[in-house]
Amino acid sequence: GLGCAALTFLGTEGTAGLVLGGVVAFAMLDFGVRYLWQKKTAA
């Protein structure tokens, strides 16, 4: 949501593949870090 708002107000454009690839990469990285954090704090 914040990225969409920022890109809209800044008038920046990008290809759909690049934007969606960035979102997917962020999601995978975020999930991996959160999972490892849960594992570390449980031990």
All heavy atoms as atom14 arrays in JSON, in Angstrom:
{
  "sequence": "GLGCAALTFLGTEGTAGLVLGGVVAFAMLDFGVRYLWQKKTAA",
  "atom14_mask": [
    [1, 1, 1, 1, 0, 0, 0, 0, 0, 0, 0, 0, 0, 0],
    [1, 1, 1, 1, 1, 1, 1, 1, 0, 0, 0, 0, 0, 0],
    [1, 1, 1, 1, 0, 0, 0, 0, 0, 0, 0, 0, 0, 0],
    [1, 1, 1, 1, 1, 1, 0, 0, 0, 0, 0, 0, 0, 0],
    [1, 1, 1, 1, 1, 0, 0, 0, 0, 0, 0, 0, 0, 0],
    [1, 1, 1, 1, 1, 0, 0, 0, 0, 0, 0, 0, 0, 0],
    [1, 1, 1, 1, 1, 1, 1, 1, 0, 0, 0, 0, 0, 0],
    [1, 1, 1, 1, 1, 1, 1, 0, 0, 0, 0, 0, 0, 0],
    [1, 1, 1, 1, 1, 1, 1, 1, 1, 1, 1, 0, 0, 0],
    [1, 1, 1, 1, 1, 1, 1, 1, 0, 0, 0, 0, 0, 0],
    [1, 1, 1, 1, 0, 0, 0, 0, 0, 0, 0, 0, 0, 0],
    [1, 1, 1, 1, 1, 1, 1, 0, 0, 0, 0, 0, 0, 0],
    [1, 1, 1, 1, 1, 1, 1, 1, 1, 0, 0, 0, 0, 0],
    [1, 1, 1, 1, 0, 0, 0, 0, 0, 0, 0, 0, 0, 0],
    [1, 1, 1, 1, 1, 1, 1, 0, 0, 0, 0, 0, 0, 0],
    [1, 1, 1, 1, 1, 0, 0, 0, 0, 0, 0, 0, 0, 0],
    [1, 1, 1, 1, 0, 0, 0, 0, 0, 0, 0, 0, 0, 0],
    [1, 1, 1, 1, 1, 1, 1, 1, 0, 0, 0, 0, 0, 0],
    [1, 1, 1, 1, 1, 1, 1, 0, 0, 0, 0, 0, 0, 0],
    [1, 1, 1, 1, 1, 1, 1, 1, 0, 0, 0, 0, 0, 0],
    [1, 1, 1, 1, 0, 0, 0, 0, 0, 0, 0, 0, 0, 0],
    [1, 1, 1, 1, 0, 0, 0, 0, 0, 0, 0, 0, 0, 0],
    [1, 1, 1, 1, 1, 1, 1, 0, 0, 0, 0, 0, 0, 0],
    [1, 1, 1, 1, 1, 1, 1, 0, 0, 0, 0, 0, 0, 0],
    [1, 1, 1, 1, 1, 0, 0, 0, 0, 0, 0, 0, 0, 0],
    [1, 1, 1, 1, 1, 1, 1, 1, 1, 1, 1, 0, 0, 0],
    [1, 1, 1, 1, 1, 0, 0, 0, 0, 0, 0, 0, 0, 0],
    [1, 1, 1, 1, 1, 1, 1, 1, 0, 0, 0, 0, 0, 0],
    [1, 1, 1, 1, 1, 1, 1, 1, 0, 0, 0, 0, 0, 0],
    [1, 1, 1, 1, 1, 1, 1, 1, 0, 0, 0, 0, 0, 0],
    [1, 1, 1, 1, 1, 1, 1, 1, 1, 1, 1, 0, 0, 0],
    [1, 1, 1, 1, 0, 0, 0, 0, 0, 0, 0, 0, 0, 0],
    [1, 1, 1, 1, 1, 1, 1, 0, 0, 0, 0, 0, 0, 0],
    [1, 1, 1, 1, 1, 1, 1, 1, 1, 1, 1, 0, 0, 0],
    [1, 1, 1, 1, 1, 1, 1, 1, 1, 1, 1, 1, 0, 0],
    [1, 1, 1, 1, 1, 1, 1, 1, 0, 0, 0, 0, 0, 0],
    [1, 1, 1, 1, 1, 1, 1, 1, 1, 1, 1, 1, 1, 1],
    [1, 1, 1, 1, 1, 1, 1, 1, 1, 0, 0, 0, 0, 0],
    [1, 1, 1, 1, 1, 1, 1, 1, 1, 0, 0, 0, 0, 0],
    [1, 1, 1, 1, 1, 1, 1, 1, 1, 0, 0, 0, 0, 0],
    [1, 1, 1, 1, 1, 1, 1, 0, 0, 0, 0, 0, 0, 0],
    [1, 1, 1, 1, 1, 0, 0, 0, 0, 0, 0, 0, 0, 0],
    [1, 1, 1, 1, 1, 0, 0, 0, 0, 0, 0, 0, 0, 0]
  ],
  "atom14_positions": [
    [[0.81, -1.22, 0.0], [0.0, 0.0, 0.0], [0.84, 1.26, 0.0], [0.58, 2.19, -0.77], [0.0, 0.0, 0.0], [0.0, 0.0, 0.0], [0.0, 0.0, 0.0], [0.0, 0.0, 0.0], [0.0, 0.0, 0.0], [0.0, 0.0, 0.0], [0.0, 0.0, 0.0], [0.0, 0.0, 0.0], [0.0, 0.0, 0.0], [0.0, 0.0, 0.0]],
    [[1.85, 1.29, 0.87], [2.72, 2.47, 0.92], [3.52, 2.62, -0.38], [3.71, 3.74, -0.87], [3.67, 2.37, 2.11], [3.03, 2.5, 3.5], [4.06, 2.23, 4.59], [2.39, 3.86, 3.66], [0.0, 0.0, 0.0], [0.0, 0.0, 0.0], [0.0, 0.0, 0.0], [0.0, 0.0, 0.0], [0.0, 0.0, 0.0], [0.0, 0.0, 0.0]],
    [[3.99, 1.5, -0.91], [4.74, 1.56, -2.18], [3.87, 2.03, -3.32], [4.3, 2.83, -4.17], [0.0, 0.0, 0.0], [0.0, 0.0, 0.0], [0.0, 0.0, 0.0], [0.0, 0.0, 0.0], [0.0, 0.0, 0.0], [0.0, 0.0, 0.0], [0.0, 0.0, 0.0], [0.0, 0.0, 0.0], [0.0, 0.0, 0.0], [0.0, 0.0, 0.0]],
    [[2.63, 1.58, -3.37], [1.71, 2.01, -4.42], [1.44, 3.51, -4.32], [1.45, 4.22, -5.33], [0.41, 1.21, -4.31], [-0.79, 1.59, -5.59], [0.0, 0.0, 0.0], [0.0, 0.0, 0.0], [0.0, 0.0, 0.0], [0.0, 0.0, 0.0], [0.0, 0.0, 0.0], [0.0, 0.0, 0.0], [0.0, 0.0, 0.0], [0.0, 0.0, 0.0]],
    [[1.22, 3.98, -3.1], [0.97, 5.4, -2.91], [2.2, 6.23, -3.28], [2.1, 7.26, -3.96], [0.59, 5.67, -1.45], [0.0, 0.0, 0.0], [0.0, 0.0, 0.0], [0.0, 0.0, 0.0], [0.0, 0.0, 0.0], [0.0, 0.0, 0.0], [0.0, 0.0, 0.0], [0.0, 0.0, 0.0], [0.0, 0.0, 0.0], [0.0, 0.0, 0.0]],
    [[3.38, 5.77, -2.88], [4.6, 6.51, -3.18], [4.85, 6.57, -4.68], [5.19, 7.63, -5.22], [5.79, 5.86, -2.46], [0.0, 0.0, 0.0], [0.0, 0.0, 0.0], [0.0, 0.0, 0.0], [0.0, 0.0, 0.0], [0.0, 0.0, 0.0], [0.0, 0.0, 0.0], [0.0, 0.0, 0.0], [0.0, 0.0, 0.0], [0.0, 0.0, 0.0]],
    [[4.68, 5.43, -5.37], [4.9, 5.42, -6.82], [3.88, 6.29, -7.54], [4.2, 6.92, -8.55], [4.85, 3.98, -7.35], [6.01, 3.08, -6.95], [5.78, 1.67, -7.46], [7.33, 3.62, -7.46], [0.0, 0.0, 0.0], [0.0, 0.0, 0.0], [0.0, 0.0, 0.0], [0.0, 0.0, 0.0], [0.0, 0.0, 0.0], [0.0, 0.0, 0.0]],
    [[2.67, 6.33, -7.03], [1.64, 7.16, -7.65], [1.95, 8.64, -7.5], [1.88, 9.41, -8.47], [0.26, 6.85, -7.04], [-0.04, 5.47, -7.25], [-0.82, 7.7, -7.66], [0.0, 0.0, 0.0], [0.0, 0.0, 0.0], [0.0, 0.0, 0.0], [0.0, 0.0, 0.0], [0.0, 0.0, 0.0], [0.0, 0.0, 0.0], [0.0, 0.0, 0.0]],
    [[2.31, 9.05, -6.29], [2.59, 10.47, -6.05], [3.88, 10.93, -6.7], [4.0, 12.08, -7.11], [2.59, 10.77, -4.56], [1.24, 10.7, -3.94], [1.0, 9.88, -2.85], [0.18, 11.45, -4.44], [-0.25, 9.81, -2.27], [-1.08, 11.4, -3.87], [-1.3, 10.57, -2.79], [0.0, 0.0, 0.0], [0.0, 0.0, 0.0], [0.0, 0.0, 0.0]],
    [[4.85, 10.04, -6.8], [6.11, 10.41, -7.42], [6.04, 10.35, -8.94], [6.92, 10.88, -9.62], [7.24, 9.51, -6.92], [7.61, 9.66, -5.44], [8.64, 8.61, -5.06], [8.15, 11.05, -5.16], [0.0, 0.0, 0.0], [0.0, 0.0, 0.0], [0.0, 0.0, 0.0], [0.0, 0.0, 0.0], [0.0, 0.0, 0.0], [0.0, 0.0, 0.0]],
    [[5.03, 9.68, -9.47], [4.88, 9.57, -10.91], [5.87, 8.61, -11.54], [6.16, 8.68, -12.73], [0.0, 0.0, 0.0], [0.0, 0.0, 0.0], [0.0, 0.0, 0.0], [0.0, 0.0, 0.0], [0.0, 0.0, 0.0], [0.0, 0.0, 0.0], [0.0, 0.0, 0.0], [0.0, 0.0, 0.0], [0.0, 0.0, 0.0], [0.0, 0.0, 0.0]],
    [[6.4, 7.71, -10.74], [7.37, 6.74, -11.24], [6.63, 5.57, -11.88], [5.58, 5.15, -11.42], [8.23, 6.19, -10.08], [8.69, 7.28, -9.29], [9.41, 5.42, -10.59], [0.0, 0.0, 0.0], [0.0, 0.0, 0.0], [0.0, 0.0, 0.0], [0.0, 0.0, 0.0], [0.0, 0.0, 0.0], [0.0, 0.0, 0.0], [0.0, 0.0, 0.0]],
    [[7.21, 5.05, -12.96], [6.6, 3.91, -13.63], [7.58, 2.75, -13.67], [8.79, 2.94, -13.66], [6.2, 4.29, -15.06], [5.08, 5.29, -15.12], [4.63, 5.54, -16.55], [5.0, 4.76, -17.44], [3.93, 6.54, -16.75], [0.0, 0.0, 0.0], [0.0, 0.0, 0.0], [0.0, 0.0, 0.0], [0.0, 0.0, 0.0], [0.0, 0.0, 0.0]],
    [[7.04, 1.56, -13.7], [7.86, 0.36, -13.82], [7.05, -0.74, -14.48], [5.82, -0.68, -14.53], [0.0, 0.0, 0.0], [0.0, 0.0, 0.0], [0.0, 0.0, 0.0], [0.0, 0.0, 0.0], [0.0, 0.0, 0.0], [0.0, 0.0, 0.0], [0.0, 0.0, 0.0], [0.0, 0.0, 0.0], [0.0, 0.0, 0.0], [0.0, 0.0, 0.0]],
    [[7.74, -1.72, -15.0], [7.03, -2.82, -15.63], [6.36, -3.67, -14.56], [6.83, -3.76, -13.43], [7.99, -3.69, -16.46], [8.93, -4.28, -15.57], [8.69, -2.88, -17.52], [0.0, 0.0, 0.0], [0.0, 0.0, 0.0], [0.0, 0.0, 0.0], [0.0, 0.0, 0.0], [0.0, 0.0, 0.0], [0.0, 0.0, 0.0], [0.0, 0.0, 0.0]],
    [[5.24, -4.28, -14.94], [4.49, -5.09, -14.0], [5.33, -6.27, -13.51], [5.28, -6.62, -12.33], [3.2, -5.59, -14.65], [0.0, 0.0, 0.0], [0.0, 0.0, 0.0], [0.0, 0.0, 0.0], [0.0, 0.0, 0.0], [0.0, 0.0, 0.0], [0.0, 0.0, 0.0], [0.0, 0.0, 0.0], [0.0, 0.0, 0.0], [0.0, 0.0, 0.0]],
    [[6.09, -6.87, -14.39], [6.93, -8.0, -14.0], [7.96, -7.63, -12.96], [8.19, -8.37, -12.01], [0.0, 0.0, 0.0], [0.0, 0.0, 0.0], [0.0, 0.0, 0.0], [0.0, 0.0, 0.0], [0.0, 0.0, 0.0], [0.0, 0.0, 0.0], [0.0, 0.0, 0.0], [0.0, 0.0, 0.0], [0.0, 0.0, 0.0], [0.0, 0.0, 0.0]],
    [[8.58, -6.48, -13.13], [9.6, -6.03, -12.18], [8.97, -5.7, -10.82], [9.5, -6.08, -9.77], [10.32, -4.8, -12.74], [11.49, -4.28, -11.93], [12.57, -5.35, -11.81], [12.06, -3.03, -12.57], [0.0, 0.0, 0.0], [0.0, 0.0, 0.0], [0.0, 0.0, 0.0], [0.0, 0.0, 0.0], [0.0, 0.0, 0.0], [0.0, 0.0, 0.0]],
    [[7.84, -5.02, -10.84], [7.17, -4.64, -9.59], [6.69, -5.89, -8.84], [6.91, -6.04, -7.64], [6.01, -3.67, -9.85], [5.2, -3.43, -8.6], [6.54, -2.35, -10.4], [0.0, 0.0, 0.0], [0.0, 0.0, 0.0], [0.0, 0.0, 0.0], [0.0, 0.0, 0.0], [0.0, 0.0, 0.0], [0.0, 0.0, 0.0], [0.0, 0.0, 0.0]],
    [[6.02, -6.79, -9.57], [5.53, -8.01, -8.92], [6.67, -8.9, -8.45], [6.58, -9.54, -7.4], [4.61, -8.77, -9.86], [3.25, -8.11, -10.11], [2.48, -8.89, -11.17], [2.46, -8.01, -8.83], [0.0, 0.0, 0.0], [0.0, 0.0, 0.0], [0.0, 0.0, 0.0], [0.0, 0.0, 0.0], [0.0, 0.0, 0.0], [0.0, 0.0, 0.0]],
    [[7.75, -8.94, -9.21], [8.93, -9.69, -8.78], [9.5, -9.14, -7.49], [9.92, -9.89, -6.61], [0.0, 0.0, 0.0], [0.0, 0.0, 0.0], [0.0, 0.0, 0.0], [0.0, 0.0, 0.0], [0.0, 0.0, 0.0], [0.0, 0.0, 0.0], [0.0, 0.0, 0.0], [0.0, 0.0, 0.0], [0.0, 0.0, 0.0], [0.0, 0.0, 0.0]],
    [[9.52, -7.82, -7.36], [9.98, -7.2, -6.13], [9.08, -7.53, -4.95], [9.55, -7.79, -3.84], [0.0, 0.0, 0.0], [0.0, 0.0, 0.0], [0.0, 0.0, 0.0], [0.0, 0.0, 0.0], [0.0, 0.0, 0.0], [0.0, 0.0, 0.0], [0.0, 0.0, 0.0], [0.0, 0.0, 0.0], [0.0, 0.0, 0.0], [0.0, 0.0, 0.0]],
    [[7.78, -7.53, -5.18], [6.84, -7.86, -4.11], [7.02, -9.31, -3.67], [7.03, -9.61, -2.47], [5.38, -7.6, -4.56], [4.38, -8.15, -3.57], [5.15, -6.11, -4.76], [0.0, 0.0, 0.0], [0.0, 0.0, 0.0], [0.0, 0.0, 0.0], [0.0, 0.0, 0.0], [0.0, 0.0, 0.0], [0.0, 0.0, 0.0], [0.0, 0.0, 0.0]],
    [[7.16, -10.21, -4.63], [7.35, -11.62, -4.3], [8.67, -11.83, -3.57], [8.75, -12.57, -2.58], [7.25, -12.5, -5.56], [7.71, -13.92, -5.29], [5.84, -12.5, -6.1], [0.0, 0.0, 0.0], [0.0, 0.0, 0.0], [0.0, 0.0, 0.0], [0.0, 0.0, 0.0], [0.0, 0.0, 0.0], [0.0, 0.0, 0.0], [0.0, 0.0, 0.0]],
    [[9.74, -11.19, -4.03], [11.03, -11.32, -3.36], [10.95, -10.78, -1.93], [11.48, -11.4, -0.99], [12.11, -10.57, -4.15], [0.0, 0.0, 0.0], [0.0, 0.0, 0.0], [0.0, 0.0, 0.0], [0.0, 0.0, 0.0], [0.0, 0.0, 0.0], [0.0, 0.0, 0.0], [0.0, 0.0, 0.0], [0.0, 0.0, 0.0], [0.0, 0.0, 0.0]],
    [[10.28, -9.65, -1.75], [10.1, -9.1, -0.41], [9.32, -10.06, 0.47], [9.66, -10.29, 1.63], [9.38, -7.74, -0.47], [8.97, -7.24, 0.88], [9.91, -6.68, 1.74], [7.66, -7.33, 1.3], [9.54, -6.23, 2.99], [7.28, -6.88, 2.55], [8.22, -6.33, 3.4], [0.0, 0.0, 0.0], [0.0, 0.0, 0.0], [0.0, 0.0, 0.0]],
    [[8.26, -10.66, -0.08], [7.42, -11.58, 0.69], [8.22, -12.81, 1.13], [8.13, -13.25, 2.29], [6.21, -12.0, -0.13], [0.0, 0.0, 0.0], [0.0, 0.0, 0.0], [0.0, 0.0, 0.0], [0.0, 0.0, 0.0], [0.0, 0.0, 0.0], [0.0, 0.0, 0.0], [0.0, 0.0, 0.0], [0.0, 0.0, 0.0], [0.0, 0.0, 0.0]],
    [[9.02, -13.37, 0.23], [9.81, -14.55, 0.58], [10.87, -14.22, 1.63], [11.06, -14.98, 2.58], [10.46, -15.14, -0.68], [9.46, -15.8, -1.6], [10.19, -16.75, -2.93], [10.98, -15.5, -3.91], [0.0, 0.0, 0.0], [0.0, 0.0, 0.0], [0.0, 0.0, 0.0], [0.0, 0.0, 0.0], [0.0, 0.0, 0.0], [0.0, 0.0, 0.0]],
    [[11.53, -13.1, 1.45], [12.54, -12.7, 2.42], [11.91, -12.41, 3.78], [12.42, -12.84, 4.82], [13.29, -11.47, 1.9], [14.41, -10.94, 2.79], [15.52, -11.98, 2.89], [14.96, -9.64, 2.24], [0.0, 0.0, 0.0], [0.0, 0.0, 0.0], [0.0, 0.0, 0.0], [0.0, 0.0, 0.0], [0.0, 0.0, 0.0], [0.0, 0.0, 0.0]],
    [[10.8, -11.7, 3.79], [10.11, -11.37, 5.02], [9.66, -12.64, 5.75], [9.86, -12.79, 6.95], [8.91, -10.48, 4.71], [8.23, -9.94, 5.96], [8.85, -9.94, 7.04], [7.07, -9.51, 5.85], [0.0, 0.0, 0.0], [0.0, 0.0, 0.0], [0.0, 0.0, 0.0], [0.0, 0.0, 0.0], [0.0, 0.0, 0.0], [0.0, 0.0, 0.0]],
    [[9.06, -13.59, 5.01], [8.62, -14.83, 5.63], [9.79, -15.61, 6.19], [9.73, -16.13, 7.31], [7.86, -15.7, 4.62], [7.52, -17.05, 5.16], [6.43, -17.22, 6.0], [8.3, -18.15, 4.86], [6.13, -18.46, 6.52], [8.01, -19.4, 5.38], [6.91, -19.55, 6.2], [0.0, 0.0, 0.0], [0.0, 0.0, 0.0], [0.0, 0.0, 0.0]],
    [[10.88, -15.71, 5.43], [12.05, -16.45, 5.9], [12.64, -15.87, 7.16], [12.97, -16.6, 8.1], [0.0, 0.0, 0.0], [0.0, 0.0, 0.0], [0.0, 0.0, 0.0], [0.0, 0.0, 0.0], [0.0, 0.0, 0.0], [0.0, 0.0, 0.0], [0.0, 0.0, 0.0], [0.0, 0.0, 0.0], [0.0, 0.0, 0.0], [0.0, 0.0, 0.0]],
    [[12.76, -14.56, 7.21], [13.31, -13.9, 8.4], [12.38, -14.11, 9.59], [12.83, -14.43, 10.7], [13.55, -12.4, 8.13], [13.83, -11.64, 9.41], [14.67, -12.23, 7.13], [0.0, 0.0, 0.0], [0.0, 0.0, 0.0], [0.0, 0.0, 0.0], [0.0, 0.0, 0.0], [0.0, 0.0, 0.0], [0.0, 0.0, 0.0], [0.0, 0.0, 0.0]],
    [[11.07, -13.95, 9.38], [10.12, -14.16, 10.47], [10.12, -15.6, 10.98], [10.04, -15.83, 12.18], [8.72, -13.75, 10.04], [8.52, -12.27, 9.97], [7.11, -11.94, 9.52], [6.83, -10.55, 9.69], [6.39, -10.0, 10.82], [6.17, -10.73, 11.86], [6.15, -8.71, 10.88], [0.0, 0.0, 0.0], [0.0, 0.0, 0.0], [0.0, 0.0, 0.0]],
    [[10.22, -16.57, 10.07], [10.25, -17.97, 10.48], [11.5, -18.26, 11.31], [11.42, -18.91, 12.36], [10.21, -18.88, 9.25], [10.11, -20.34, 9.6], [8.88, -20.94, 9.85], [11.25, -21.14, 9.69], [8.79, -22.28, 10.18], [11.17, -22.47, 10.02], [9.94, -23.04, 10.26], [9.85, -24.36, 10.58], [0.0, 0.0, 0.0], [0.0, 0.0, 0.0]],
    [[12.65, -17.8, 10.84], [13.89, -18.02, 11.59], [13.85, -17.31, 12.95], [14.37, -17.82, 13.94], [15.1, -17.55, 10.78], [15.41, -18.41, 9.55], [16.54, -17.78, 8.74], [15.75, -19.83, 9.94], [0.0, 0.0, 0.0], [0.0, 0.0, 0.0], [0.0, 0.0, 0.0], [0.0, 0.0, 0.0], [0.0, 0.0, 0.0], [0.0, 0.0, 0.0]],
    [[13.22, -16.14, 13.0], [13.09, -15.43, 14.27], [12.2, -16.22, 15.23], [12.51, -16.32, 16.42], [12.52, -14.04, 14.03], [12.39, -13.25, 15.3], [11.26, -13.0, 16.0], [13.45, -12.63, 16.03], [11.54, -12.26, 17.12], [12.89, -12.03, 17.16], [14.82, -12.52, 15.83], [13.64, -11.34, 18.09], [15.57, -11.83, 16.76], [14.99, -11.26, 17.86]],
    [[11.11, -16.77, 14.74], [10.24, -17.6, 15.58], [10.99, -18.81, 16.1], [10.87, -19.19, 17.27], [9.02, -18.07, 14.78], [8.02, -17.01, 14.44], [7.33, -16.46, 15.67], [7.08, -17.17, 16.64], [7.02, -15.18, 15.64], [0.0, 0.0, 0.0], [0.0, 0.0, 0.0], [0.0, 0.0, 0.0], [0.0, 0.0, 0.0], [0.0, 0.0, 0.0]],
    [[11.79, -19.41, 15.24], [12.56, -20.59, 15.64], [13.59, -20.24, 16.7], [13.8, -20.97, 17.66], [13.25, -21.16, 14.39], [14.0, -22.42, 14.62], [14.57, -22.94, 13.31], [15.4, -24.18, 13.51], [15.93, -24.67, 12.25], [0.0, 0.0, 0.0], [0.0, 0.0, 0.0], [0.0, 0.0, 0.0], [0.0, 0.0, 0.0], [0.0, 0.0, 0.0]],
    [[14.25, -19.08, 16.51], [15.3, -18.68, 17.45], [14.72, -18.31, 18.81], [15.27, -18.67, 19.85], [16.08, -17.5, 16.88], [17.19, -17.03, 17.76], [17.94, -15.87, 17.18], [19.03, -15.45, 18.14], [19.7, -14.26, 17.71], [0.0, 0.0, 0.0], [0.0, 0.0, 0.0], [0.0, 0.0, 0.0], [0.0, 0.0, 0.0], [0.0, 0.0, 0.0]],
    [[13.6, -17.59, 18.82], [13.03, -17.16, 20.09], [12.37, -18.3, 20.85], [12.2, -18.22, 22.07], [12.01, -16.03, 19.89], [10.98, -16.46, 19.0], [12.69, -14.79, 19.36], [0.0, 0.0, 0.0], [0.0, 0.0, 0.0], [0.0, 0.0, 0.0], [0.0, 0.0, 0.0], [0.0, 0.0, 0.0], [0.0, 0.0, 0.0], [0.0, 0.0, 0.0]],
    [[11.99, -19.37, 20.16], [11.36, -20.5, 20.83], [12.41, -21.38, 21.52], [12.08, -22.11, 22.44], [10.57, -21.34, 19.82], [0.0, 0.0, 0.0], [0.0, 0.0, 0.0], [0.0, 0.0, 0.0], [0.0, 0.0, 0.0], [0.0, 0.0, 0.0], [0.0, 0.0, 0.0], [0.0, 0.0, 0.0], [0.0, 0.0, 0.0], [0.0, 0.0, 0.0]],
    [[13.63, -21.32, 21.06], [14.68, -22.19, 21.62], [15.23, -21.68, 22.93], [15.07, -20.66, 23.42], [15.81, -22.34, 20.62], [0.0, 0.0, 0.0], [0.0, 0.0, 0.0], [0.0, 0.0, 0.0], [0.0, 0.0, 0.0], [0.0, 0.0, 0.0], [0.0, 0.0, 0.0], [0.0, 0.0, 0.0], [0.0, 0.0, 0.0], [0.0, 0.0, 0.0]]
  ]
}
